[in-house]
Amino acid sequence: MGIRLAMKKELMGLDNSDMLTADDVRKHLAQQVQEDTERGFSVISKFNDTHSQLVSGLKTKQSELVFERHRLFNEVLYNRQSVDAWLNNQIN
């Protein structure tokens, strides 16, 4: 993790919270599907598409991903439980 990202996460107060940045979600998804690289690539690609739509303000079909914007940094943060539910839906 780069120093900028570490400082930003510390300033946002995400260390003990249930919220994840997009980079954290990608790491989590990669860890969960590490045995199947093709499926892992597909899942991370779908997340990237959804994340890009959310960042640009477009409506998405993925209603399972619960997110909020950080009020100071305006970064999209995801709820850990919703990420796990979304991942289970993508795998099954």
C-alpha atoms as a PDB file:
ATOM      1  CA  MET A   1       0.000   0.000   0.000  1.00  0.00           C
ATOM      2  CA  GLY A   2       1.338   3.383  -0.914  1.00  0.00           C
ATOM      3  CA  ILE A   3       1.932   6.077   1.651  1.00  0.00           C
ATOM      4  CA  ARG A   4      -0.716   8.362   0.149  1.00  0.00           C
ATOM      5  CA  LEU A   5      -3.373   5.672   0.273  1.00  0.00           C
ATOM      6  CA  ALA A   6      -2.427   4.737   3.830  1.00  0.00           C
ATOM      7  CA  MET A   7      -2.637   8.371   4.945  1.00  0.00           C
ATOM      8  CA  LYS A   8      -5.943   8.878   3.155  1.00  0.00           C
ATOM      9  CA  LYS A   9      -7.458   5.768   4.761  1.00  0.00           C
ATOM     10  CA  GLU A  10      -6.242   6.925   8.159  1.00  0.00           C
ATOM     11  CA  LEU A  11      -7.752  10.380   7.656  1.00  0.00           C
ATOM     12  CA  MET A  12     -11.045   8.849   6.544  1.00  0.00           C
ATOM     13  CA  GLY A  13     -11.110   6.678   9.679  1.00  0.00           C
ATOM     14  CA  LEU A  14     -11.651   3.381   7.874  1.00  0.00           C
ATOM     15  CA  ASP A  15      -9.348   1.209   9.982  1.00  0.00           C
ATOM     16  CA  ASN A  16     -12.010   0.074  12.462  1.00  0.00           C
ATOM     17  CA  SER A  17     -15.081   0.640  10.336  1.00  0.00           C
ATOM     18  CA  ASP A  18     -17.128  -1.699   8.181  1.00  0.00           C
ATOM     19  CA  MET A  19     -16.603   0.430   5.084  1.00  0.00           C
ATOM     20  CA  LEU A  20     -14.191  -0.444   2.262  1.00  0.00           C
ATOM     21  CA  THR A  21     -12.583   1.635  -0.460  1.00  0.00           C
ATOM     22  CA  ALA A  22     -12.667   0.337  -4.033  1.00  0.00           C
ATOM     23  CA  ASP A  23      -9.063  -0.872  -3.681  1.00  0.00           C
ATOM     24  CA  ASP A  24      -9.979  -2.748  -0.505  1.00  0.00           C
ATOM     25  CA  VAL A  25     -12.913  -4.367  -2.293  1.00  0.00           C
ATOM     26  CA  ARG A  26     -10.659  -5.487  -5.155  1.00  0.00           C
ATOM     27  CA  LYS A  27      -8.201  -7.050  -2.674  1.00  0.00           C
ATOM     28  CA  HIS A  28     -11.065  -8.761  -0.839  1.00  0.00           C
ATOM     29  CA  LEU A  29     -12.530 -10.134  -4.074  1.00  0.00           C
ATOM     30  CA  ALA A  30      -9.131 -11.387  -5.232  1.00  0.00           C
ATOM     31  CA  GLN A  31      -8.606 -13.205  -1.934  1.00  0.00           C
ATOM     32  CA  GLN A  32     -12.039 -14.826  -2.077  1.00  0.00           C
ATOM     33  CA  VAL A  33     -11.688 -16.190  -5.619  1.00  0.00           C
ATOM     34  CA  GLN A  34      -7.942 -16.816  -5.710  1.00  0.00           C
ATOM     35  CA  GLU A  35      -8.249 -20.493  -6.704  1.00  0.00           C
ATOM     36  CA  ASP A  36     -10.100 -19.671  -9.940  1.00  0.00           C
ATOM     37  CA  THR A  37      -8.213 -16.904 -11.745  1.00  0.00           C
ATOM     38  CA  GLU A  38     -10.655 -16.703 -14.657  1.00  0.00           C
ATOM     39  CA  ARG A  39     -13.649 -16.291 -12.355  1.00  0.00           C
ATOM     40  CA  GLY A  40     -11.674 -13.840 -10.224  1.00  0.00           C
ATOM     41  CA  PHE A  41     -10.885 -11.711 -13.250  1.00  0.00           C
ATOM     42  CA  SER A  42     -14.545 -11.740 -14.271  1.00  0.00           C
ATOM     43  CA  VAL A  43     -15.790 -10.767 -10.791  1.00  0.00           C
ATOM     44  CA  ILE A  44     -13.255  -7.954 -10.399  1.00  0.00           C
ATOM     45  CA  SER A  45     -14.081  -6.714 -13.902  1.00  0.00           C
ATOM     46  CA  LYS A  46     -17.807  -6.580 -13.049  1.00  0.00           C
ATOM     47  CA  PHE A  47     -17.009  -4.704  -9.845  1.00  0.00           C
ATOM     48  CA  ASN A  48     -14.841  -2.228 -11.771  1.00  0.00           C
ATOM     49  CA  ASP A  49     -17.687  -1.578 -14.216  1.00  0.00           C
ATOM     50  CA  THR A  50     -20.137  -1.008 -11.365  1.00  0.00           C
ATOM     51  CA  HIS A  51     -17.685   1.198  -9.481  1.00  0.00           C
ATOM     52  CA  SER A  52     -17.031   3.322 -12.592  1.00  0.00           C
ATOM     53  CA  GLN A  53     -20.763   3.855 -13.033  1.00  0.00           C
ATOM     54  CA  LEU A  54     -21.162   4.882  -9.385  1.00  0.00           C
ATOM     55  CA  VAL A  55     -18.233   7.302  -9.517  1.00  0.00           C
ATOM     56  CA  SER A  56     -19.602   8.938 -12.659  1.00  0.00           C
ATOM     57  CA  GLY A  57     -23.084   9.228 -11.130  1.00  0.00           C
ATOM     58  CA  LEU A  58     -24.887   6.786 -13.427  1.00  0.00           C
ATOM     59  CA  LYS A  59     -27.585   4.430 -12.172  1.00  0.00           C
ATOM     60  CA  THR A  60     -26.488   0.819 -11.853  1.00  0.00           C
ATOM     61  CA  LYS A  61     -28.326  -2.467 -12.002  1.00  0.00           C
ATOM     62  CA  GLN A  62     -26.300  -3.791  -9.048  1.00  0.00           C
ATOM     63  CA  SER A  63     -28.552  -2.826  -6.154  1.00  0.00           C
ATOM     64  CA  GLU A  64     -26.836  -5.254  -3.743  1.00  0.00           C
ATOM     65  CA  LEU A  65     -23.784  -3.033  -3.356  1.00  0.00           C
ATOM     66  CA  VAL A  66     -24.542  -0.628  -0.533  1.00  0.00           C
ATOM     67  CA  PHE A  67     -22.320   2.425  -0.781  1.00  0.00           C
ATOM     68  CA  GLU A  68     -21.951   5.929   0.502  1.00  0.00           C
ATOM     69  CA  ARG A  69     -19.723   8.839  -0.340  1.00  0.00           C
ATOM     70  CA  HIS A  70     -17.224  10.072   2.206  1.00  0.00           C
ATOM     71  CA  ARG A  71     -18.268  13.604   3.052  1.00  0.00           C
ATOM     72  CA  LEU A  72     -14.737  15.081   3.067  1.00  0.00           C
ATOM     73  CA  PHE A  73     -12.976  13.106   0.332  1.00  0.00           C
ATOM     74  CA  ASN A  74     -16.099  12.369  -1.760  1.00  0.00           C
ATOM     75  CA  GLU A  75     -14.841   8.822  -2.286  1.00  0.00           C
ATOM     76  CA  VAL A  76     -17.262   5.932  -2.808  1.00  0.00           C
ATOM     77  CA  LEU A  77     -17.132   3.535   0.152  1.00  0.00           C
ATOM     78  CA  TYR A  78     -18.772   0.112   0.220  1.00  0.00           C
ATOM     79  CA  ASN A  79     -20.358  -1.781   3.095  1.00  0.00           C
ATOM     80  CA  ARG A  80     -18.486  -5.057   3.763  1.00  0.00           C
ATOM     81  CA  GLN A  81     -21.671  -7.153   4.126  1.00  0.00           C
ATOM     82  CA  SER A  82     -23.060  -5.880   0.833  1.00  0.00           C
ATOM     83  CA  VAL A  83     -19.776  -6.698  -0.924  1.00  0.00           C
ATOM     84  CA  ASP A  84     -19.914 -10.255   0.420  1.00  0.00           C
ATOM     85  CA  ALA A  85     -23.553 -10.621  -0.663  1.00  0.00           C
ATOM     86  CA  TRP A  86     -22.709  -9.252  -4.118  1.00  0.00           C
ATOM     87  CA  LEU A  87     -19.784 -11.672  -4.404  1.00  0.00           C
ATOM     88  CA  ASN A  88     -21.962 -14.650  -3.438  1.00  0.00           C
ATOM     89  CA  ASN A  89     -24.467 -13.616  -6.089  1.00  0.00           C
ATOM     90  CA  GLN A  90     -21.729 -13.362  -8.722  1.00  0.00           C
ATOM     91  CA  ILE A  91     -20.184 -16.740  -7.864  1.00  0.00           C
ATOM     92  CA  ASN A  92     -23.448 -18.691  -7.697  1.00  0.00           C
END
